[in-house]
Amino acid sequence: MNINSQPTPGKPVRGSKTGQPIMVIFDLLGRSWAMGIIWHLNNGPSTFRKLQEYCENISPTTLNKRIKELTLADLIERTIDGYTLTEQGRELFKLIHPLGNWAKQWAKRINNK
């Protein structure tokens, strides 16, 4: 299993030898800056340079790789205005946004123990 290849349902990924879809999306989103890119693009289109700045000066190689993976997964696309979320990407953001809010509350509880 090559965890550096494009995560694809039905193919092995971290945590699933059979490539269960939930594990495939978790594998993709667990890669460096994948969720950050989706989070940032929820605010609207962004250029490569703006994404690089947002991602704390991620290397161009890594950013290109992540953009390719997210594009192949039909979560982002390139338009004349820059990179943007696809309909699938917007749906995913609507699902993970509440999880982000939950995580902030969870972190507060954990840190106060």
PDB file of N, CA and C in Angstrom:
ATOM      1  N   MET A   1       0.837  -1.182   0.000  1.00  0.00           N
ATOM      2  CA  MET A   1       0.000   0.000   0.000  1.00  0.00           C
ATOM      3  C   MET A   1       0.882   1.246   0.000  1.00  0.00           C
ATOM      4  N   ASN A   2       0.655   2.133  -0.922  1.00  0.00           N
ATOM      5  CA  ASN A   2       1.390   3.390  -0.996  1.00  0.00           C
ATOM      6  C   ASN A   2       0.484   4.510  -0.509  1.00  0.00           C
ATOM      7  N   ILE A   3       0.687   4.969   0.732  1.00  0.00           N
ATOM      8  CA  ILE A   3      -0.202   5.989   1.290  1.00  0.00           C
ATOM      9  C   ILE A   3       0.061   7.360   0.687  1.00  0.00           C
ATOM     10  N   ASN A   4       1.083   7.474  -0.140  1.00  0.00           N
ATOM     11  CA  ASN A   4       1.355   8.752  -0.791  1.00  0.00           C
ATOM     12  C   ASN A   4       0.634   8.895  -2.128  1.00  0.00           C
ATOM     13  N   SER A   5      -0.034   7.829  -2.597  1.00  0.00           N
ATOM     14  CA  SER A   5      -0.740   7.902  -3.863  1.00  0.00           C
ATOM     15  C   SER A   5      -2.135   8.502  -3.646  1.00  0.00           C
ATOM     16  N   GLN A   6      -2.828   8.764  -4.749  1.00  0.00           N
ATOM     17  CA  GLN A   6      -4.156   9.355  -4.685  1.00  0.00           C
ATOM     18  C   GLN A   6      -5.108   8.436  -3.931  1.00  0.00           C
ATOM     19  N   PRO A   7      -5.730   8.927  -2.841  1.00  0.00           N
ATOM     20  CA  PRO A   7      -6.714   8.110  -2.127  1.00  0.00           C
ATOM     21  C   PRO A   7      -7.930   7.874  -3.025  1.00  0.00           C
ATOM     22  N   THR A   8      -8.284   6.613  -3.203  1.00  0.00           N
ATOM     23  CA  THR A   8      -9.391   6.248  -4.077  1.00  0.00           C
ATOM     24  C   THR A   8     -10.247   5.184  -3.403  1.00  0.00           C
ATOM     25  N   PRO A   9     -11.575   5.404  -3.343  1.00  0.00           N
ATOM     26  CA  PRO A   9     -12.438   4.367  -2.757  1.00  0.00           C
ATOM     27  C   PRO A   9     -12.207   3.019  -3.433  1.00  0.00           C
ATOM     28  N   GLY A  10     -12.142   1.993  -2.607  1.00  0.00           N
ATOM     29  CA  GLY A  10     -11.916   0.647  -3.118  1.00  0.00           C
ATOM     30  C   GLY A  10     -10.458   0.247  -3.178  1.00  0.00           C
ATOM     31  N   LYS A  11      -9.561   1.190  -2.930  1.00  0.00           N
ATOM     32  CA  LYS A  11      -8.133   0.893  -2.907  1.00  0.00           C
ATOM     33  C   LYS A  11      -7.609   1.126  -1.496  1.00  0.00           C
ATOM     34  N   PRO A  12      -6.620   0.340  -1.055  1.00  0.00           N
ATOM     35  CA  PRO A  12      -6.114   0.480   0.316  1.00  0.00           C
ATOM     36  C   PRO A  12      -5.638   1.896   0.650  1.00  0.00           C
ATOM     37  N   VAL A  13      -5.966   2.336   1.861  1.00  0.00           N
ATOM     38  CA  VAL A  13      -5.502   3.610   2.415  1.00  0.00           C
ATOM     39  C   VAL A  13      -5.170   3.375   3.877  1.00  0.00           C
ATOM     40  N   ARG A  14      -4.623   4.392   4.524  1.00  0.00           N
ATOM     41  CA  ARG A  14      -4.352   4.260   5.961  1.00  0.00           C
ATOM     42  C   ARG A  14      -5.647   3.895   6.675  1.00  0.00           C
ATOM     43  N   GLY A  15      -5.604   2.829   7.428  1.00  0.00           N
ATOM     44  CA  GLY A  15      -6.752   2.437   8.237  1.00  0.00           C
ATOM     45  C   GLY A  15      -7.770   1.550   7.543  1.00  0.00           C
ATOM     46  N   SER A  16      -7.603   1.278   6.249  1.00  0.00           N
ATOM     47  CA  SER A  16      -8.565   0.424   5.541  1.00  0.00           C
ATOM     48  C   SER A  16      -7.886  -0.292   4.381  1.00  0.00           C
ATOM     49  N   LYS A  17      -7.762  -1.603   4.517  1.00  0.00           N
ATOM     50  CA  LYS A  17      -7.169  -2.392   3.433  1.00  0.00           C
ATOM     51  C   LYS A  17      -8.108  -2.486   2.232  1.00  0.00           C
ATOM     52  N   THR A  18      -9.407  -2.274   2.467  1.00  0.00           N
ATOM     53  CA  THR A  18     -10.385  -2.389   1.384  1.00  0.00           C
ATOM     54  C   THR A  18     -10.788  -1.035   0.809  1.00  0.00           C
ATOM     55  N   GLY A  19     -10.280   0.050   1.361  1.00  0.00           N
ATOM     56  CA  GLY A  19     -10.577   1.371   0.827  1.00  0.00           C
ATOM     57  C   GLY A  19     -12.001   1.833   1.066  1.00  0.00           C
ATOM     58  N   GLN A  20     -12.488   1.599   2.280  1.00  0.00           N
ATOM     59  CA  GLN A  20     -13.834   2.073   2.606  1.00  0.00           C
ATOM     60  C   GLN A  20     -13.902   3.591   2.397  1.00  0.00           C
ATOM     61  N   PRO A  21     -14.970   4.102   1.766  1.00  0.00           N
ATOM     62  CA  PRO A  21     -15.049   5.524   1.435  1.00  0.00           C
ATOM     63  C   PRO A  21     -14.785   6.471   2.605  1.00  0.00           C
ATOM     64  N   ILE A  22     -15.289   6.161   3.792  1.00  0.00           N
ATOM     65  CA  ILE A  22     -15.068   7.055   4.944  1.00  0.00           C
ATOM     66  C   ILE A  22     -13.581   7.124   5.284  1.00  0.00           C
ATOM     67  N   MET A  23     -12.898   6.002   5.172  1.00  0.00           N
ATOM     68  CA  MET A  23     -11.468   5.989   5.474  1.00  0.00           C
ATOM     69  C   MET A  23     -10.669   6.677   4.369  1.00  0.00           C
ATOM     70  N   VAL A  24     -11.145   6.585   3.142  1.00  0.00           N
ATOM     71  CA  VAL A  24     -10.471   7.242   2.030  1.00  0.00           C
ATOM     72  C   VAL A  24     -10.534   8.751   2.210  1.00  0.00           C
ATOM     73  N   ILE A  25     -11.718   9.283   2.560  1.00  0.00           N
ATOM     74  CA  ILE A  25     -11.815  10.735   2.737  1.00  0.00           C
ATOM     75  C   ILE A  25     -11.019  11.172   3.957  1.00  0.00           C
ATOM     76  N   PHE A  26     -11.003  10.367   5.018  1.00  0.00           N
ATOM     77  CA  PHE A  26     -10.187  10.711   6.187  1.00  0.00           C
ATOM     78  C   PHE A  26      -8.703  10.701   5.830  1.00  0.00           C
ATOM     79  N   ASP A  27      -8.281   9.746   5.008  1.00  0.00           N
ATOM     80  CA  ASP A  27      -6.884   9.693   4.576  1.00  0.00           C
ATOM     81  C   ASP A  27      -6.540  10.970   3.800  1.00  0.00           C
ATOM     82  N   LEU A  28      -7.389  11.335   2.854  1.00  0.00           N
ATOM     83  CA  LEU A  28      -7.139  12.533   2.058  1.00  0.00           C
ATOM     84  C   LEU A  28      -7.120  13.786   2.933  1.00  0.00           C
ATOM     85  N   LEU A  29      -8.107  13.927   3.801  1.00  0.00           N
ATOM     86  CA  LEU A  29      -8.188  15.124   4.642  1.00  0.00           C
ATOM     87  C   LEU A  29      -7.097  15.168   5.699  1.00  0.00           C
ATOM     88  N   GLY A  30      -6.520  14.017   6.032  1.00  0.00           N
ATOM     89  CA  GLY A  30      -5.454  13.959   7.021  1.00  0.00           C
ATOM     90  C   GLY A  30      -4.089  14.341   6.472  1.00  0.00           C
ATOM     91  N   ARG A  31      -4.004  14.530   5.187  1.00  0.00           N
ATOM     92  CA  ARG A  31      -2.725  14.923   4.586  1.00  0.00           C
ATOM     93  C   ARG A  31      -2.457  16.395   4.862  1.00  0.00           C
ATOM     94  N   SER A  32      -1.178  16.736   4.946  1.00  0.00           N
ATOM     95  CA  SER A  32      -0.805  18.096   5.341  1.00  0.00           C
ATOM     96  C   SER A  32      -1.493  19.149   4.483  1.00  0.00           C
ATOM     97  N   TRP A  33      -2.181  20.007   5.164  1.00  0.00           N
ATOM     98  CA  TRP A  33      -2.860  21.180   4.616  1.00  0.00           C
ATOM     99  C   TRP A  33      -4.080  20.903   3.756  1.00  0.00           C
ATOM    100  N   ALA A  34      -4.511  19.671   3.605  1.00  0.00           N
ATOM    101  CA  ALA A  34      -5.699  19.386   2.794  1.00  0.00           C
ATOM    102  C   ALA A  34      -6.927  20.081   3.391  1.00  0.00           C
ATOM    103  N   MET A  35      -7.158  19.899   4.688  1.00  0.00           N
ATOM    104  CA  MET A  35      -8.323  20.554   5.308  1.00  0.00           C
ATOM    105  C   MET A  35      -8.138  22.060   5.344  1.00  0.00           C
ATOM    106  N   GLY A  36      -6.924  22.519   5.543  1.00  0.00           N
ATOM    107  CA  GLY A  36      -6.675  23.957   5.554  1.00  0.00           C
ATOM    108  C   GLY A  36      -7.008  24.600   4.218  1.00  0.00           C
ATOM    109  N   ILE A  37      -6.692  23.917   3.140  1.00  0.00           N
ATOM    110  CA  ILE A  37      -7.003  24.435   1.811  1.00  0.00           C
ATOM    111  C   ILE A  37      -8.518  24.509   1.630  1.00  0.00           C
ATOM    112  N   ILE A  38      -9.220  23.453   2.010  1.00  0.00           N
ATOM    113  CA  ILE A  38     -10.680  23.457   1.901  1.00  0.00           C
ATOM    114  C   ILE A  38     -11.270  24.564   2.764  1.00  0.00           C
ATOM    115  N   TRP A  39     -10.767  24.701   3.990  1.00  0.00           N
ATOM    116  CA  TRP A  39     -11.257  25.732   4.913  1.00  0.00           C
ATOM    117  C   TRP A  39     -11.058  27.119   4.306  1.00  0.00           C
ATOM    118  N   HIS A  40      -9.887  27.363   3.760  1.00  0.00           N
ATOM    119  CA  HIS A  40      -9.569  28.668   3.172  1.00  0.00           C
ATOM    120  C   HIS A  40     -10.440  28.941   1.948  1.00  0.00           C
ATOM    121  N   LEU A  41     -10.621  27.944   1.095  1.00  0.00           N
ATOM    122  CA  LEU A  41     -11.396  28.154  -0.130  1.00  0.00           C
ATOM    123  C   LEU A  41     -12.882  28.345   0.140  1.00  0.00           C
ATOM    124  N   ASN A  42     -13.332  27.990   1.337  1.00  0.00           N
ATOM    125  CA  ASN A  42     -14.722  28.269   1.680  1.00  0.00           C
ATOM    126  C   ASN A  42     -14.996  29.775   1.675  1.00  0.00           C
ATOM    127  N   ASN A  43     -13.959  30.578   1.849  1.00  0.00           N
ATOM    128  CA  ASN A  43     -14.106  32.036   1.848  1.00  0.00           C
ATOM    129  C   ASN A  43     -14.127  32.612   0.435  1.00  0.00           C
ATOM    130  N   GLY A  44     -13.932  31.771  -0.570  1.00  0.00           N
ATOM    131  CA  GLY A  44     -13.943  32.219  -1.958  1.00  0.00           C
ATOM    132  C   GLY A  44     -12.693  31.782  -2.692  1.00  0.00           C
ATOM    133  N   PRO A  45     -12.644  32.082  -3.989  1.00  0.00           N
ATOM    134  CA  PRO A  45     -11.506  31.671  -4.806  1.00  0.00           C
ATOM    135  C   PRO A  45     -10.181  32.228  -4.280  1.00  0.00           C
ATOM    136  N   SER A  46      -9.116  31.501  -4.569  1.00  0.00           N
ATOM    137  CA  SER A  46      -7.794  31.913  -4.111  1.00  0.00           C
ATOM    138  C   SER A  46      -6.744  31.504  -5.138  1.00  0.00           C
ATOM    139  N   THR A  47      -5.746  32.327  -5.295  1.00  0.00           N
ATOM    140  CA  THR A  47      -4.630  32.012  -6.183  1.00  0.00           C
ATOM    141  C   THR A  47      -3.671  31.042  -5.490  1.00  0.00           C
ATOM    142  N   PHE A  48      -2.777  30.471  -6.273  1.00  0.00           N
ATOM    143  CA  PHE A  48      -1.759  29.579  -5.729  1.00  0.00           C
ATOM    144  C   PHE A  48      -0.943  30.304  -4.657  1.00  0.00           C
ATOM    145  N   ARG A  49      -0.517  31.537  -4.958  1.00  0.00           N
ATOM    146  CA  ARG A  49       0.307  32.298  -4.029  1.00  0.00           C
ATOM    147  C   ARG A  49      -0.437  32.576  -2.708  1.00  0.00           C
ATOM    148  N   LYS A  50      -1.716  32.940  -2.808  1.00  0.00           N
ATOM    149  CA  LYS A  50      -2.504  33.188  -1.589  1.00  0.00           C
ATOM    150  C   LYS A  50      -2.665  31.913  -0.770  1.00  0.00           C
ATOM    151  N   LEU A  51      -2.879  30.786  -1.462  1.00  0.00           N
ATOM    152  CA  LEU A  51      -2.967  29.515  -0.747  1.00  0.00           C
ATOM    153  C   LEU A  51      -1.651  29.198  -0.052  1.00  0.00           C
ATOM    154  N   GLN A  52      -0.549  29.476  -0.732  1.00  0.00           N
ATOM    155  CA  GLN A  52       0.765  29.220  -0.149  1.00  0.00           C
ATOM    156  C   GLN A  52       0.970  30.071   1.103  1.00  0.00           C
ATOM    157  N   GLU A  53       0.568  31.328   1.064  1.00  0.00           N
ATOM    158  CA  GLU A  53       0.681  32.211   2.238  1.00  0.00           C
ATOM    159  C   GLU A  53      -0.207  31.714   3.364  1.00  0.00           C
ATOM    160  N   TYR A  54      -1.448  31.353   3.037  1.00  0.00           N
ATOM    161  CA  TYR A  54      -2.383  30.860   4.046  1.00  0.00           C
ATOM    162  C   TYR A  54      -1.847  29.612   4.720  1.00  0.00           C
ATOM    163  N   CYS A  55      -1.216  28.764   3.940  1.00  0.00           N
ATOM    164  CA  CYS A  55      -0.691  27.494   4.446  1.00  0.00           C
ATOM    165  C   CYS A  55       0.707  27.664   5.040  1.00  0.00           C
ATOM    166  N   GLU A  56       0.978  28.831   5.577  1.00  0.00           N
ATOM    167  CA  GLU A  56       2.242  29.106   6.270  1.00  0.00           C
ATOM    168  C   GLU A  56       3.454  28.793   5.404  1.00  0.00           C
ATOM    169  N   ASN A  57       3.389  29.263   4.171  1.00  0.00           N
ATOM    170  CA  ASN A  57       4.489  29.087   3.226  1.00  0.00           C
ATOM    171  C   ASN A  57       4.846  27.625   2.975  1.00  0.00           C
ATOM    172  N   ILE A  58       3.825  26.814   2.789  1.00  0.00           N
ATOM    173  CA  ILE A  58       3.983  25.417   2.382  1.00  0.00           C
ATOM    174  C   ILE A  58       4.852  25.382   1.121  1.00  0.00           C
ATOM    175  N   SER A  59       5.619  24.351   0.941  1.00  0.00           N
ATOM    176  CA  SER A  59       6.464  24.273  -0.253  1.00  0.00           C
ATOM    177  C   SER A  59       5.581  24.181  -1.498  1.00  0.00           C
ATOM    178  N   PRO A  60       6.033  24.763  -2.599  1.00  0.00           N
ATOM    179  CA  PRO A  60       5.253  24.683  -3.838  1.00  0.00           C
ATOM    180  C   PRO A  60       4.987  23.241  -4.274  1.00  0.00           C
ATOM    181  N   THR A  61       5.944  22.362  -4.032  1.00  0.00           N
ATOM    182  CA  THR A  61       5.782  20.955  -4.408  1.00  0.00           C
ATOM    183  C   THR A  61       4.637  20.318  -3.628  1.00  0.00           C
ATOM    184  N   THR A  62       4.611  20.537  -2.324  1.00  0.00           N
ATOM    185  CA  THR A  62       3.556  19.963  -1.490  1.00  0.00           C
ATOM    186  C   THR A  62       2.207  20.575  -1.838  1.00  0.00           C
ATOM    187  N   LEU A  63       2.158  21.887  -2.021  1.00  0.00           N
ATOM    188  CA  LEU A  63       0.896  22.533  -2.366  1.00  0.00           C
ATOM    189  C   LEU A  63       0.386  22.023  -3.714  1.00  0.00           C
ATOM    190  N   ASN A  64       1.268  21.905  -4.691  1.00  0.00           N
ATOM    191  CA  ASN A  64       0.856  21.367  -5.996  1.00  0.00           C
ATOM    192  C   ASN A  64       0.282  19.958  -5.857  1.00  0.00           C
ATOM    193  N   LYS A  65       0.927  19.157  -5.042  1.00  0.00           N
ATOM    194  CA  LYS A  65       0.470  17.781  -4.826  1.00  0.00           C
ATOM    195  C   LYS A  65      -0.913  17.769  -4.178  1.00  0.00           C
ATOM    196  N   ARG A  66      -1.084  18.600  -3.156  1.00  0.00           N
ATOM    197  CA  ARG A  66      -2.371  18.647  -2.459  1.00  0.00           C
ATOM    198  C   ARG A  66      -3.474  19.158  -3.384  1.00  0.00           C
ATOM    199  N   ILE A  67      -3.165  20.182  -4.179  1.00  0.00           N
ATOM    200  CA  ILE A  67      -4.146  20.709  -5.131  1.00  0.00           C
ATOM    201  C   ILE A  67      -4.548  19.619  -6.127  1.00  0.00           C
ATOM    202  N   LYS A  68      -3.576  18.874  -6.613  1.00  0.00           N
ATOM    203  CA  LYS A  68      -3.858  17.791  -7.560  1.00  0.00           C
ATOM    204  C   LYS A  68      -4.765  16.744  -6.921  1.00  0.00           C
ATOM    205  N   GLU A  69      -4.434  16.336  -5.690  1.00  0.00           N
ATOM    206  CA  GLU A  69      -5.242  15.330  -5.001  1.00  0.00           C
ATOM    207  C   GLU A  69      -6.673  15.817  -4.777  1.00  0.00           C
ATOM    208  N   LEU A  70      -6.814  17.050  -4.320  1.00  0.00           N
ATOM    209  CA  LEU A  70      -8.148  17.589  -4.048  1.00  0.00           C
ATOM    210  C   LEU A  70      -8.939  17.804  -5.329  1.00  0.00           C
ATOM    211  N   THR A  71      -8.240  18.122  -6.417  1.00  0.00           N
ATOM    212  CA  THR A  71      -8.898  18.278  -7.718  1.00  0.00           C
ATOM    213  C   THR A  71      -9.370  16.922  -8.233  1.00  0.00           C
ATOM    214  N   LEU A  72      -8.501  15.908  -8.163  1.00  0.00           N
ATOM    215  CA  LEU A  72      -8.877  14.563  -8.608  1.00  0.00           C
ATOM    216  C   LEU A  72     -10.031  13.996  -7.777  1.00  0.00           C
ATOM    217  N   ALA A  73     -10.137  14.431  -6.529  1.00  0.00           N
ATOM    218  CA  ALA A  73     -11.217  13.988  -5.648  1.00  0.00           C
ATOM    219  C   ALA A  73     -12.491  14.811  -5.872  1.00  0.00           C
ATOM    220  N   ASP A  74     -12.459  15.737  -6.821  1.00  0.00           N
ATOM    221  CA  ASP A  74     -13.598  16.604  -7.150  1.00  0.00           C
ATOM    222  C   ASP A  74     -14.032  17.473  -5.969  1.00  0.00           C
ATOM    223  N   LEU A  75     -13.041  17.936  -5.192  1.00  0.00           N
ATOM    224  CA  LEU A  75     -13.336  18.824  -4.073  1.00  0.00           C
ATOM    225  C   LEU A  75     -12.978  20.269  -4.394  1.00  0.00           C
ATOM    226  N   ILE A  76     -11.984  20.480  -5.262  1.00  0.00           N
ATOM    227  CA  ILE A  76     -11.640  21.829  -5.694  1.00  0.00           C
ATOM    228  C   ILE A  76     -11.451  21.825  -7.206  1.00  0.00           C
ATOM    229  N   GLU A  77     -11.483  23.015  -7.783  1.00  0.00           N
ATOM    230  CA  GLU A  77     -11.246  23.166  -9.209  1.00  0.00           C
ATOM    231  C   GLU A  77     -10.587  24.516  -9.448  1.00  0.00           C
ATOM    232  N   ARG A  78      -9.982  24.630 -10.616  1.00  0.00           N
ATOM    233  CA  ARG A  78      -9.346  25.890 -10.986  1.00  0.00           C
ATOM    234  C   ARG A  78     -10.284  26.657 -11.909  1.00  0.00           C
ATOM    235  N   THR A  79     -10.473  27.922 -11.607  1.00  0.00           N
ATOM    236  CA  THR A  79     -11.309  28.789 -12.422  1.00  0.00           C
ATOM    237  C   THR A  79     -10.478  30.003 -12.829  1.00  0.00           C
ATOM    238  N   ILE A  80     -11.062  30.926 -13.566  1.00  0.00           N
ATOM    239  CA  ILE A  80     -10.324  32.133 -13.949  1.00  0.00           C
ATOM    240  C   ILE A  80     -10.015  33.002 -12.735  1.00  0.00           C
ATOM    241  N   ASP A  81     -10.763  32.812 -11.641  1.00  0.00           N
ATOM    242  CA  ASP A  81     -10.534  33.580 -10.411  1.00  0.00           C
ATOM    243  C   ASP A  81      -9.553  32.911  -9.473  1.00  0.00           C
ATOM    244  N   GLY A  82      -9.123  31.703  -9.790  1.00  0.00           N
ATOM    245  CA  GLY A  82      -8.223  30.952  -8.923  1.00  0.00           C
ATOM    246  C   GLY A  82      -8.853  29.619  -8.562  1.00  0.00           C
ATOM    247  N   TYR A  83      -8.336  28.998  -7.525  1.00  0.00           N
ATOM    248  CA  TYR A  83      -8.875  27.723  -7.064  1.00  0.00           C
ATOM    249  C   TYR A  83     -10.119  27.989  -6.234  1.00  0.00           C
ATOM    250  N   THR A  84     -11.087  27.104  -6.369  1.00  0.00           N
ATOM    251  CA  THR A  84     -12.347  27.257  -5.643  1.00  0.00           C
ATOM    252  C   THR A  84     -12.900  25.880  -5.293  1.00  0.00           C
ATOM    253  N   LEU A  85     -13.806  25.837  -4.334  1.00  0.00           N
ATOM    254  CA  LEU A  85     -14.455  24.579  -3.981  1.00  0.00           C
ATOM    255  C   LEU A  85     -15.458  24.201  -5.062  1.00  0.00           C
ATOM    256  N   THR A  86     -15.551  22.925  -5.349  1.00  0.00           N
ATOM    257  CA  THR A  86     -16.604  22.413  -6.219  1.00  0.00           C
ATOM    258  C   THR A  86     -17.868  22.268  -5.365  1.00  0.00           C
ATOM    259  N   GLU A  87     -18.950  21.848  -5.985  1.00  0.00           N
ATOM    260  CA  GLU A  87     -20.167  21.588  -5.219  1.00  0.00           C
ATOM    261  C   GLU A  87     -19.902  20.530  -4.152  1.00  0.00           C
ATOM    262  N   GLN A  88     -19.144  19.473  -4.531  1.00  0.00           N
ATOM    263  CA  GLN A  88     -18.777  18.428  -3.569  1.00  0.00           C
ATOM    264  C   GLN A  88     -17.946  19.007  -2.424  1.00  0.00           C
ATOM    265  N   GLY A  89     -17.030  19.907  -2.763  1.00  0.00           N
ATOM    266  CA  GLY A  89     -16.190  20.543  -1.749  1.00  0.00           C
ATOM    267  C   GLY A  89     -17.007  21.392  -0.785  1.00  0.00           C
ATOM    268  N   ARG A  90     -17.992  22.108  -1.318  1.00  0.00           N
ATOM    269  CA  ARG A  90     -18.861  22.925  -0.455  1.00  0.00           C
ATOM    270  C   ARG A  90     -19.693  22.037   0.466  1.00  0.00           C
ATOM    271  N   GLU A  91     -20.172  20.914  -0.067  1.00  0.00           N
ATOM    272  CA  GLU A  91     -20.927  19.971   0.763  1.00  0.00           C
ATOM    273  C   GLU A  91     -20.048  19.421   1.880  1.00  0.00           C
ATOM    274  N   LEU A  92     -18.815  19.069   1.532  1.00  0.00           N
ATOM    275  CA  LEU A  92     -17.888  18.556   2.541  1.00  0.00           C
ATOM    276  C   LEU A  92     -17.636  19.611   3.615  1.00  0.00           C
ATOM    277  N   PHE A  93     -17.419  20.862   3.202  1.00  0.00           N
ATOM    278  CA  PHE A  93     -17.171  21.912   4.186  1.00  0.00           C
ATOM    279  C   PHE A  93     -18.352  22.041   5.143  1.00  0.00           C
ATOM    280  N   LYS A  94     -19.556  21.967   4.630  1.00  0.00           N
ATOM    281  CA  LYS A  94     -20.749  22.063   5.489  1.00  0.00           C
ATOM    282  C   LYS A  94     -20.772  20.954   6.532  1.00  0.00           C
ATOM    283  N   LEU A  95     -20.185  19.817   6.190  1.00  0.00           N
ATOM    284  CA  LEU A  95     -20.123  18.701   7.132  1.00  0.00           C
ATOM    285  C   LEU A  95     -19.000  18.858   8.153  1.00  0.00           C
ATOM    286  N   ILE A  96     -17.840  19.364   7.717  1.00  0.00           N
ATOM    287  CA  ILE A  96     -16.705  19.441   8.644  1.00  0.00           C
ATOM    288  C   ILE A  96     -16.710  20.717   9.480  1.00  0.00           C
ATOM    289  N   HIS A  97     -17.418  21.751   9.054  1.00  0.00           N
ATOM    290  CA  HIS A  97     -17.451  22.993   9.827  1.00  0.00           C
ATOM    291  C   HIS A  97     -17.985  22.761  11.242  1.00  0.00           C
ATOM    292  N   PRO A  98     -19.126  22.058  11.411  1.00  0.00           N
ATOM    293  CA  PRO A  98     -19.583  21.779  12.782  1.00  0.00           C
ATOM    294  C   PRO A  98     -18.573  20.961  13.583  1.00  0.00           C
ATOM    295  N   LEU A  99     -17.857  20.067  12.920  1.00  0.00           N
ATOM    296  CA  LEU A  99     -16.829  19.286  13.608  1.00  0.00           C
ATOM    297  C   LEU A  99     -15.716  20.205  14.108  1.00  0.00           C
ATOM    298  N   GLY A 100     -15.375  21.216  13.324  1.00  0.00           N
ATOM    299  CA  GLY A 100     -14.379  22.208  13.754  1.00  0.00           C
ATOM    300  C   GLY A 100     -14.824  22.945  15.007  1.00  0.00           C
ATOM    301  N   ASN A 101     -16.105  23.328  15.037  1.00  0.00           N
ATOM    302  CA  ASN A 101     -16.640  24.000  16.228  1.00  0.00           C
ATOM    303  C   ASN A 101     -16.628  23.066  17.431  1.00  0.00           C
ATOM    304  N   TRP A 102     -17.029  21.822  17.214  1.00  0.00           N
ATOM    305  CA  TRP A 102     -17.010  20.835  18.290  1.00  0.00           C
ATOM    306  C   TRP A 102     -15.588  20.661  18.813  1.00  0.00           C
ATOM    307  N   ALA A 103     -14.618  20.603  17.910  1.00  0.00           N
ATOM    308  CA  ALA A 103     -13.223  20.378  18.290  1.00  0.00           C
ATOM    309  C   ALA A 103     -12.700  21.517  19.168  1.00  0.00           C
ATOM    310  N   LYS A 104     -13.116  22.751  18.879  1.00  0.00           N
ATOM    311  CA  LYS A 104     -12.688  23.888  19.710  1.00  0.00           C
ATOM    312  C   LYS A 104     -13.203  23.731  21.134  1.00  0.00           C
ATOM    313  N   GLN A 105     -14.464  23.337  21.293  1.00  0.00           N
ATOM    314  CA  GLN A 105     -15.023  23.126  22.628  1.00  0.00           C
ATOM    315  C   GLN A 105     -14.351  21.945  23.324  1.00  0.00           C
ATOM    316  N   TRP A 106     -14.115  20.905  22.585  1.00  0.00           N
ATOM    317  CA  TRP A 106     -13.442  19.732  23.126  1.00  0.00           C
ATOM    318  C   TRP A 106     -12.048  20.100  23.617  1.00  0.00           C
ATOM    319  N   ALA A 107     -11.316  20.884  22.826  1.00  0.00           N
ATOM    320  CA  ALA A 107      -9.959  21.291  23.208  1.00  0.00           C
ATOM    321  C   ALA A 107      -9.981  22.099  24.502  1.00  0.00           C
ATOM    322  N   LYS A 108     -10.961  22.972  24.647  1.00  0.00           N
ATOM    323  CA  LYS A 108     -11.074  23.758  25.884  1.00  0.00           C
ATOM    324  C   LYS A 108     -11.280  22.839  27.081  1.00  0.00           C
ATOM    325  N   ARG A 109     -12.178  21.849  26.934  1.00  0.00           N
ATOM    326  CA  ARG A 109     -12.439  20.915  28.053  1.00  0.00           C
ATOM    327  C   ARG A 109     -11.183  20.117  28.379  1.00  0.00           C
ATOM    328  N   ILE A 110     -10.500  19.634  27.367  1.00  0.00           N
ATOM    329  CA  ILE A 110      -9.294  18.835  27.588  1.00  0.00           C
ATOM    330  C   ILE A 110      -8.199  19.662  28.238  1.00  0.00           C
ATOM    331  N   ASN A 111      -8.030  20.891  27.770  1.00  0.00           N
ATOM    332  CA  ASN A 111      -6.969  21.755  28.292  1.00  0.00           C
ATOM    333  C   ASN A 111      -7.251  22.257  29.704  1.00  0.00           C
ATOM    334  N   ASN A 112      -8.504  22.208  30.138  1.00  0.00           N
ATOM    335  CA  ASN A 112      -8.859  22.678  31.472  1.00  0.00           C
ATOM    336  C   ASN A 112      -8.838  21.552  32.511  1.00  0.00           C
ATOM    337  N   LYS A 113      -8.455  20.359  32.116  1.00  0.00           N
ATOM    338  CA  LYS A 113      -8.410  19.235  33.072  1.00  0.00           C
ATOM    339  C   LYS A 113      -7.126  19.276  33.850  1.00  0.00           C
TER     340      LYS A 113
END
